[in-house]
Amino acid sequence: MSNEHAIHLADIDHIVLRVVNLDAMIAFYCTVLGCEVERRQDEIGLVQLRAGRSLIDLVPVEGKLGRAGGAAPGAGGRNLDHFCLRVDPFDEGAIRRHLLACGVQAGPTESRYGAQGAGPSIYLQDPEHNTIELKGPPSA
């Protein structure tokens, strides 16, 4: 079997979250995590947020795209376990102060393995209970 592949992956381009309260989710991702609204297509129900080199797409469950995806996410089932946002520089004190000022609870900082190796990471949740990992650079 050849080690040559026709598909050469670079990184995550975007993720799509199906959401119930679009305004609360936009506020969280923009205010707490520093994303910016890059593109809106309200006629189909899609808001695309810039997250560094990647996008986070928000799809309201009551919109055209959202209805095509089935029932809304909730306590009985989710559409995603978690996603990881790379943070560099990773200033734990500044990150925690900012999250606290925004009223966001965060888990302990732990070393977790990611695409670039093991390094510091913090788990938190958005308003609709999606788990987000904030991941720093690999530890020396």
N, C-alpha and C. Protein backbone atom coordinates (compact mmCIF):
# COMPACT_ATOMS: atom_id res chain seq x y z
N MET A 1 0.85 -1.18 0.00
CA MET A 1 0.00 0.00 0.00
C MET A 1 0.89 1.24 0.00
N SER A 2 0.57 2.17 -0.84
CA SER A 2 1.36 3.39 -0.99
C SER A 2 1.08 4.38 0.12
N ASN A 3 2.12 5.13 0.51
CA ASN A 3 1.96 6.18 1.51
C ASN A 3 1.54 7.50 0.86
N GLU A 4 1.47 7.53 -0.45
CA GLU A 4 1.04 8.74 -1.16
C GLU A 4 -0.48 8.85 -1.08
N HIS A 5 -0.96 10.02 -0.74
CA HIS A 5 -2.40 10.26 -0.65
C HIS A 5 -2.78 11.39 -1.59
N ALA A 6 -3.95 11.28 -2.17
CA ALA A 6 -4.45 12.33 -3.05
C ALA A 6 -4.97 13.52 -2.25
N ILE A 7 -5.27 13.28 -0.98
CA ILE A 7 -5.82 14.34 -0.13
C ILE A 7 -4.74 14.74 0.87
N HIS A 8 -4.35 16.01 0.86
CA HIS A 8 -3.32 16.53 1.76
C HIS A 8 -3.97 17.53 2.71
N LEU A 9 -4.24 17.10 3.93
CA LEU A 9 -4.92 17.95 4.90
C LEU A 9 -3.96 18.94 5.53
N ALA A 10 -4.42 20.18 5.72
CA ALA A 10 -3.59 21.22 6.32
C ALA A 10 -4.05 21.55 7.75
N ASP A 11 -5.32 21.88 7.94
CA ASP A 11 -5.86 22.20 9.25
C ASP A 11 -7.38 22.23 9.15
N ILE A 12 -8.05 22.64 10.20
CA ILE A 12 -9.51 22.71 10.18
C ILE A 12 -9.94 24.01 9.50
N ASP A 13 -10.76 23.90 8.48
CA ASP A 13 -11.26 25.06 7.75
C ASP A 13 -12.41 25.72 8.51
N HIS A 14 -13.40 24.93 8.88
CA HIS A 14 -14.54 25.46 9.63
C HIS A 14 -15.26 24.35 10.35
N ILE A 15 -16.05 24.73 11.34
CA ILE A 15 -16.99 23.82 11.98
C ILE A 15 -18.36 24.47 11.88
N VAL A 16 -19.40 23.66 12.01
CA VAL A 16 -20.77 24.15 11.93
C VAL A 16 -21.49 23.75 13.22
N LEU A 17 -22.05 24.74 13.91
CA LEU A 17 -22.84 24.49 15.11
C LEU A 17 -24.30 24.81 14.82
N ARG A 18 -25.18 23.86 15.11
CA ARG A 18 -26.62 24.11 15.00
C ARG A 18 -27.05 24.74 16.32
N VAL A 19 -27.72 25.90 16.27
CA VAL A 19 -27.98 26.68 17.48
C VAL A 19 -29.45 27.01 17.65
N VAL A 20 -29.83 27.22 18.90
CA VAL A 20 -31.21 27.60 19.24
C VAL A 20 -31.33 29.12 19.35
N ASN A 21 -30.39 29.76 20.06
CA ASN A 21 -30.44 31.20 20.29
C ASN A 21 -29.26 31.86 19.56
N LEU A 22 -29.48 32.26 18.32
CA LEU A 22 -28.42 32.81 17.49
C LEU A 22 -27.77 34.04 18.11
N ASP A 23 -28.56 34.98 18.63
CA ASP A 23 -28.01 36.21 19.18
C ASP A 23 -27.08 35.94 20.36
N ALA A 24 -27.48 35.02 21.26
CA ALA A 24 -26.64 34.68 22.41
C ALA A 24 -25.34 34.04 21.96
N MET A 25 -25.42 33.20 20.93
CA MET A 25 -24.21 32.53 20.45
C MET A 25 -23.26 33.50 19.76
N ILE A 26 -23.81 34.43 18.96
CA ILE A 26 -22.96 35.46 18.33
C ILE A 26 -22.29 36.30 19.41
N ALA A 27 -23.05 36.71 20.41
CA ALA A 27 -22.50 37.53 21.49
C ALA A 27 -21.37 36.79 22.20
N PHE A 28 -21.58 35.51 22.50
CA PHE A 28 -20.55 34.73 23.19
C PHE A 28 -19.28 34.63 22.35
N TYR A 29 -19.42 34.17 21.13
CA TYR A 29 -18.23 33.94 20.30
C TYR A 29 -17.49 35.23 19.96
N CYS A 30 -18.22 36.32 19.81
CA CYS A 30 -17.57 37.59 19.49
C CYS A 30 -17.02 38.28 20.74
N THR A 31 -17.79 38.34 21.81
CA THR A 31 -17.37 39.04 23.03
C THR A 31 -16.35 38.24 23.83
N VAL A 32 -16.64 36.96 24.07
CA VAL A 32 -15.77 36.16 24.92
C VAL A 32 -14.53 35.68 24.17
N LEU A 33 -14.72 35.17 22.95
CA LEU A 33 -13.60 34.56 22.24
C LEU A 33 -12.97 35.43 21.16
N GLY A 34 -13.55 36.60 20.89
CA GLY A 34 -12.93 37.53 19.96
C GLY A 34 -13.15 37.23 18.49
N CYS A 35 -14.16 36.43 18.18
CA CYS A 35 -14.49 36.20 16.77
C CYS A 35 -15.14 37.45 16.19
N GLU A 36 -15.24 37.51 14.87
CA GLU A 36 -15.95 38.59 14.20
C GLU A 36 -16.91 37.99 13.19
N VAL A 37 -18.08 38.62 13.06
CA VAL A 37 -19.02 38.18 12.03
C VAL A 37 -18.40 38.52 10.68
N GLU A 38 -18.19 37.51 9.87
CA GLU A 38 -17.59 37.71 8.55
C GLU A 38 -18.64 37.73 7.45
N ARG A 39 -19.68 36.93 7.62
CA ARG A 39 -20.66 36.79 6.55
C ARG A 39 -21.97 36.31 7.13
N ARG A 40 -23.07 36.90 6.64
CA ARG A 40 -24.41 36.48 7.06
C ARG A 40 -25.23 36.13 5.83
N GLN A 41 -25.96 35.04 5.91
CA GLN A 41 -26.93 34.67 4.88
C GLN A 41 -28.22 34.34 5.61
N ASP A 42 -28.91 35.38 6.05
CA ASP A 42 -30.11 35.19 6.86
C ASP A 42 -31.22 34.46 6.10
N GLU A 43 -31.25 34.60 4.75
CA GLU A 43 -32.30 33.93 3.98
C GLU A 43 -32.22 32.41 4.09
N ILE A 44 -31.04 31.85 4.32
CA ILE A 44 -30.93 30.40 4.49
C ILE A 44 -30.63 30.01 5.94
N GLY A 45 -30.32 31.00 6.77
CA GLY A 45 -30.02 30.72 8.18
C GLY A 45 -28.58 30.31 8.38
N LEU A 46 -27.64 31.25 8.16
CA LEU A 46 -26.22 30.96 8.32
C LEU A 46 -25.48 32.23 8.70
N VAL A 47 -24.72 32.17 9.79
CA VAL A 47 -23.83 33.26 10.18
C VAL A 47 -22.44 32.66 10.32
N GLN A 48 -21.48 33.24 9.61
CA GLN A 48 -20.11 32.73 9.63
C GLN A 48 -19.22 33.68 10.41
N LEU A 49 -18.56 33.14 11.43
CA LEU A 49 -17.69 33.91 12.30
C LEU A 49 -16.24 33.59 12.00
N ARG A 50 -15.41 34.61 11.90
CA ARG A 50 -13.98 34.43 11.69
C ARG A 50 -13.34 34.08 13.03
N ALA A 51 -12.60 32.97 13.06
CA ALA A 51 -11.87 32.52 14.24
C ALA A 51 -10.43 32.25 13.81
N GLY A 52 -9.62 33.29 13.75
CA GLY A 52 -8.26 33.14 13.26
C GLY A 52 -8.28 32.76 11.79
N ARG A 53 -7.61 31.65 11.44
CA ARG A 53 -7.60 31.18 10.06
C ARG A 53 -8.83 30.36 9.72
N SER A 54 -9.69 30.10 10.70
CA SER A 54 -10.84 29.22 10.52
C SER A 54 -12.15 29.97 10.66
N LEU A 55 -13.22 29.27 10.35
CA LEU A 55 -14.56 29.82 10.53
C LEU A 55 -15.37 28.93 11.48
N ILE A 56 -16.25 29.57 12.23
CA ILE A 56 -17.27 28.88 13.01
C ILE A 56 -18.60 29.30 12.41
N ASP A 57 -19.31 28.35 11.82
CA ASP A 57 -20.60 28.63 11.21
C ASP A 57 -21.70 28.35 12.23
N LEU A 58 -22.60 29.30 12.40
CA LEU A 58 -23.76 29.14 13.27
C LEU A 58 -25.00 28.99 12.40
N VAL A 59 -25.73 27.91 12.61
CA VAL A 59 -26.92 27.62 11.83
C VAL A 59 -28.11 27.52 12.79
N PRO A 60 -28.99 28.53 12.80
CA PRO A 60 -30.17 28.45 13.67
C PRO A 60 -31.07 27.28 13.27
N VAL A 61 -31.50 26.48 14.27
CA VAL A 61 -32.29 25.29 13.96
C VAL A 61 -33.63 25.60 13.31
N GLU A 62 -34.14 26.84 13.47
CA GLU A 62 -35.44 27.18 12.86
C GLU A 62 -35.30 27.71 11.44
N GLY A 63 -34.06 27.91 10.97
CA GLY A 63 -33.83 28.42 9.62
C GLY A 63 -33.89 27.32 8.57
N LYS A 64 -33.74 27.70 7.32
CA LYS A 64 -33.81 26.75 6.21
C LYS A 64 -32.79 25.63 6.35
N LEU A 65 -31.52 25.98 6.57
CA LEU A 65 -30.49 24.96 6.76
C LEU A 65 -30.72 24.17 8.04
N GLY A 66 -31.09 24.87 9.10
CA GLY A 66 -31.28 24.23 10.40
C GLY A 66 -32.40 23.20 10.40
N ARG A 67 -33.50 23.50 9.75
CA ARG A 67 -34.61 22.54 9.69
C ARG A 67 -34.20 21.27 8.96
N ALA A 68 -33.32 21.42 7.99
CA ALA A 68 -32.86 20.24 7.23
C ALA A 68 -32.00 19.31 8.08
N GLY A 69 -31.48 19.81 9.21
CA GLY A 69 -30.60 19.02 10.06
C GLY A 69 -31.29 18.24 11.15
N GLY A 70 -32.60 18.35 11.27
CA GLY A 70 -33.32 17.59 12.29
C GLY A 70 -33.54 18.39 13.56
N ALA A 71 -33.71 17.64 14.66
CA ALA A 71 -34.05 18.25 15.94
C ALA A 71 -32.90 19.10 16.48
N ALA A 72 -33.26 20.03 17.35
CA ALA A 72 -32.27 20.91 17.97
C ALA A 72 -31.38 20.13 18.92
N PRO A 73 -30.11 20.57 19.07
CA PRO A 73 -29.25 19.94 20.08
C PRO A 73 -29.81 20.24 21.47
N GLY A 74 -29.56 19.36 22.40
CA GLY A 74 -30.05 19.57 23.76
C GLY A 74 -29.37 18.62 24.72
N ALA A 75 -29.88 18.57 25.95
CA ALA A 75 -29.27 17.75 27.00
C ALA A 75 -29.26 16.27 26.62
N GLY A 76 -30.25 15.83 25.84
CA GLY A 76 -30.35 14.42 25.46
C GLY A 76 -29.46 14.04 24.30
N GLY A 77 -28.87 15.00 23.64
CA GLY A 77 -28.02 14.67 22.51
C GLY A 77 -27.38 15.92 21.94
N ARG A 78 -26.15 15.78 21.50
CA ARG A 78 -25.43 16.91 20.94
C ARG A 78 -24.95 16.57 19.54
N ASN A 79 -24.60 17.58 18.79
CA ASN A 79 -24.08 17.38 17.45
C ASN A 79 -22.56 17.35 17.43
N LEU A 80 -21.92 17.54 18.57
CA LEU A 80 -20.47 17.69 18.63
C LEU A 80 -19.99 17.39 20.04
N ASP A 81 -18.85 16.70 20.18
CA ASP A 81 -18.30 16.49 21.52
C ASP A 81 -17.63 17.78 21.98
N HIS A 82 -16.60 18.23 21.25
CA HIS A 82 -15.97 19.52 21.53
C HIS A 82 -15.16 19.92 20.31
N PHE A 83 -14.76 21.18 20.28
CA PHE A 83 -13.81 21.61 19.26
C PHE A 83 -12.74 22.42 19.95
N CYS A 84 -11.58 22.48 19.30
CA CYS A 84 -10.41 23.09 19.91
C CYS A 84 -9.98 24.32 19.11
N LEU A 85 -9.80 25.43 19.81
CA LEU A 85 -9.29 26.66 19.21
C LEU A 85 -7.86 26.88 19.71
N ARG A 86 -6.92 27.00 18.81
CA ARG A 86 -5.51 27.20 19.16
C ARG A 86 -5.33 28.65 19.58
N VAL A 87 -4.70 28.87 20.73
CA VAL A 87 -4.47 30.20 21.29
C VAL A 87 -2.97 30.43 21.42
N ASP A 88 -2.48 31.50 20.81
CA ASP A 88 -1.05 31.79 20.87
C ASP A 88 -0.85 33.29 20.78
N PRO A 89 -0.34 33.96 21.80
CA PRO A 89 0.24 33.36 23.00
C PRO A 89 -0.83 32.86 23.97
N PHE A 90 -0.47 31.93 24.81
CA PHE A 90 -1.38 31.36 25.80
C PHE A 90 -0.98 31.92 27.15
N ASP A 91 -1.63 33.03 27.53
CA ASP A 91 -1.38 33.68 28.82
C ASP A 91 -2.51 33.26 29.75
N GLU A 92 -2.27 32.20 30.52
CA GLU A 92 -3.34 31.63 31.34
C GLU A 92 -4.01 32.66 32.24
N GLY A 93 -3.22 33.49 32.91
CA GLY A 93 -3.79 34.49 33.82
C GLY A 93 -4.71 35.45 33.08
N ALA A 94 -4.26 35.96 31.94
CA ALA A 94 -5.08 36.90 31.17
C ALA A 94 -6.34 36.22 30.63
N ILE A 95 -6.19 34.99 30.19
CA ILE A 95 -7.36 34.24 29.68
C ILE A 95 -8.38 34.06 30.78
N ARG A 96 -7.92 33.62 31.94
CA ARG A 96 -8.85 33.38 33.06
C ARG A 96 -9.51 34.66 33.55
N ARG A 97 -8.76 35.76 33.61
CA ARG A 97 -9.35 37.05 34.01
C ARG A 97 -10.44 37.47 33.03
N HIS A 98 -10.17 37.31 31.74
CA HIS A 98 -11.14 37.68 30.72
C HIS A 98 -12.39 36.81 30.82
N LEU A 99 -12.22 35.50 30.95
CA LEU A 99 -13.38 34.61 31.06
C LEU A 99 -14.21 34.96 32.29
N LEU A 100 -13.55 35.21 33.41
CA LEU A 100 -14.24 35.58 34.65
C LEU A 100 -15.02 36.87 34.46
N ALA A 101 -14.41 37.87 33.80
CA ALA A 101 -15.09 39.15 33.56
C ALA A 101 -16.31 38.96 32.66
N CYS A 102 -16.28 37.94 31.82
CA CYS A 102 -17.42 37.64 30.93
C CYS A 102 -18.41 36.69 31.57
N GLY A 103 -18.16 36.29 32.82
CA GLY A 103 -19.07 35.37 33.52
C GLY A 103 -19.00 33.94 33.02
N VAL A 104 -17.86 33.55 32.45
CA VAL A 104 -17.71 32.21 31.90
C VAL A 104 -16.89 31.34 32.84
N GLN A 105 -17.46 30.21 33.24
CA GLN A 105 -16.74 29.23 34.07
C GLN A 105 -15.82 28.42 33.18
N ALA A 106 -14.63 28.13 33.67
CA ALA A 106 -13.67 27.33 32.91
C ALA A 106 -13.08 26.26 33.80
N GLY A 107 -12.74 25.13 33.18
CA GLY A 107 -12.13 24.03 33.90
C GLY A 107 -10.66 24.31 34.19
N PRO A 108 -10.00 23.36 34.84
CA PRO A 108 -8.58 23.54 35.17
C PRO A 108 -7.72 23.53 33.91
N THR A 109 -6.56 24.15 34.01
CA THR A 109 -5.59 24.08 32.92
C THR A 109 -4.87 22.74 33.05
N GLU A 110 -4.88 21.99 31.97
CA GLU A 110 -4.21 20.69 31.95
C GLU A 110 -3.41 20.57 30.67
N SER A 111 -2.40 19.70 30.70
CA SER A 111 -1.64 19.42 29.49
C SER A 111 -2.42 18.39 28.68
N ARG A 112 -2.74 18.75 27.44
CA ARG A 112 -3.46 17.83 26.56
C ARG A 112 -2.74 17.79 25.22
N TYR A 113 -2.87 16.67 24.56
CA TYR A 113 -2.20 16.48 23.28
C TYR A 113 -3.07 17.02 22.16
N GLY A 114 -2.46 17.78 21.26
CA GLY A 114 -3.16 18.32 20.09
C GLY A 114 -2.31 18.15 18.86
N ALA A 115 -2.68 18.82 17.80
CA ALA A 115 -2.04 18.65 16.50
C ALA A 115 -0.55 18.97 16.52
N GLN A 116 -0.13 19.87 17.43
CA GLN A 116 1.27 20.26 17.47
C GLN A 116 2.00 19.70 18.69
N GLY A 117 1.36 18.79 19.41
CA GLY A 117 1.97 18.19 20.59
C GLY A 117 1.22 18.56 21.85
N ALA A 118 1.77 18.12 22.99
CA ALA A 118 1.13 18.37 24.29
C ALA A 118 1.40 19.79 24.75
N GLY A 119 0.37 20.41 25.28
CA GLY A 119 0.49 21.76 25.79
C GLY A 119 -0.71 22.11 26.64
N PRO A 120 -0.70 23.31 27.21
CA PRO A 120 -1.78 23.72 28.12
C PRO A 120 -3.10 23.87 27.39
N SER A 121 -4.17 23.47 28.09
CA SER A 121 -5.50 23.66 27.52
C SER A 121 -6.51 23.88 28.63
N ILE A 122 -7.57 24.59 28.27
CA ILE A 122 -8.66 24.91 29.20
C ILE A 122 -9.96 24.59 28.48
N TYR A 123 -10.87 23.90 29.16
CA TYR A 123 -12.20 23.63 28.62
C TYR A 123 -13.20 24.64 29.17
N LEU A 124 -14.13 25.07 28.34
CA LEU A 124 -15.24 25.92 28.75
C LEU A 124 -16.45 25.58 27.89
N GLN A 125 -17.59 26.16 28.20
CA GLN A 125 -18.79 25.90 27.42
C GLN A 125 -19.41 27.19 26.95
N ASP A 126 -20.00 27.14 25.74
CA ASP A 126 -20.74 28.28 25.22
C ASP A 126 -22.16 28.26 25.80
N PRO A 127 -23.00 29.26 25.46
CA PRO A 127 -24.35 29.33 26.05
C PRO A 127 -25.24 28.13 25.75
N GLU A 128 -24.92 27.33 24.72
CA GLU A 128 -25.74 26.16 24.39
C GLU A 128 -25.02 24.86 24.73
N HIS A 129 -24.07 24.95 25.64
CA HIS A 129 -23.37 23.80 26.22
C HIS A 129 -22.47 23.04 25.26
N ASN A 130 -22.00 23.70 24.20
CA ASN A 130 -20.95 23.11 23.37
C ASN A 130 -19.64 23.30 24.11
N THR A 131 -18.84 22.26 24.19
CA THR A 131 -17.56 22.35 24.87
C THR A 131 -16.49 22.85 23.91
N ILE A 132 -15.74 23.84 24.38
CA ILE A 132 -14.67 24.46 23.61
C ILE A 132 -13.37 24.25 24.37
N GLU A 133 -12.33 23.82 23.67
CA GLU A 133 -11.00 23.71 24.26
C GLU A 133 -10.15 24.86 23.74
N LEU A 134 -9.58 25.64 24.64
CA LEU A 134 -8.62 26.67 24.28
C LEU A 134 -7.24 26.05 24.49
N LYS A 135 -6.48 25.90 23.40
CA LYS A 135 -5.22 25.14 23.44
C LYS A 135 -4.04 26.04 23.16
N GLY A 136 -3.05 25.99 24.05
CA GLY A 136 -1.82 26.75 23.87
C GLY A 136 -0.80 25.99 23.06
N PRO A 137 0.36 26.62 22.83
CA PRO A 137 1.43 25.96 22.06
C PRO A 137 2.00 24.77 22.83
N PRO A 138 2.68 23.90 22.12
CA PRO A 138 3.29 22.75 22.79
C PRO A 138 4.25 23.19 23.87
N SER A 139 4.28 22.46 24.96
CA SER A 139 5.20 22.76 26.06
C SER A 139 6.60 22.33 25.65
N ALA A 140 7.59 23.04 26.18
CA ALA A 140 9.00 22.73 25.85
C ALA A 140 9.40 21.39 26.43
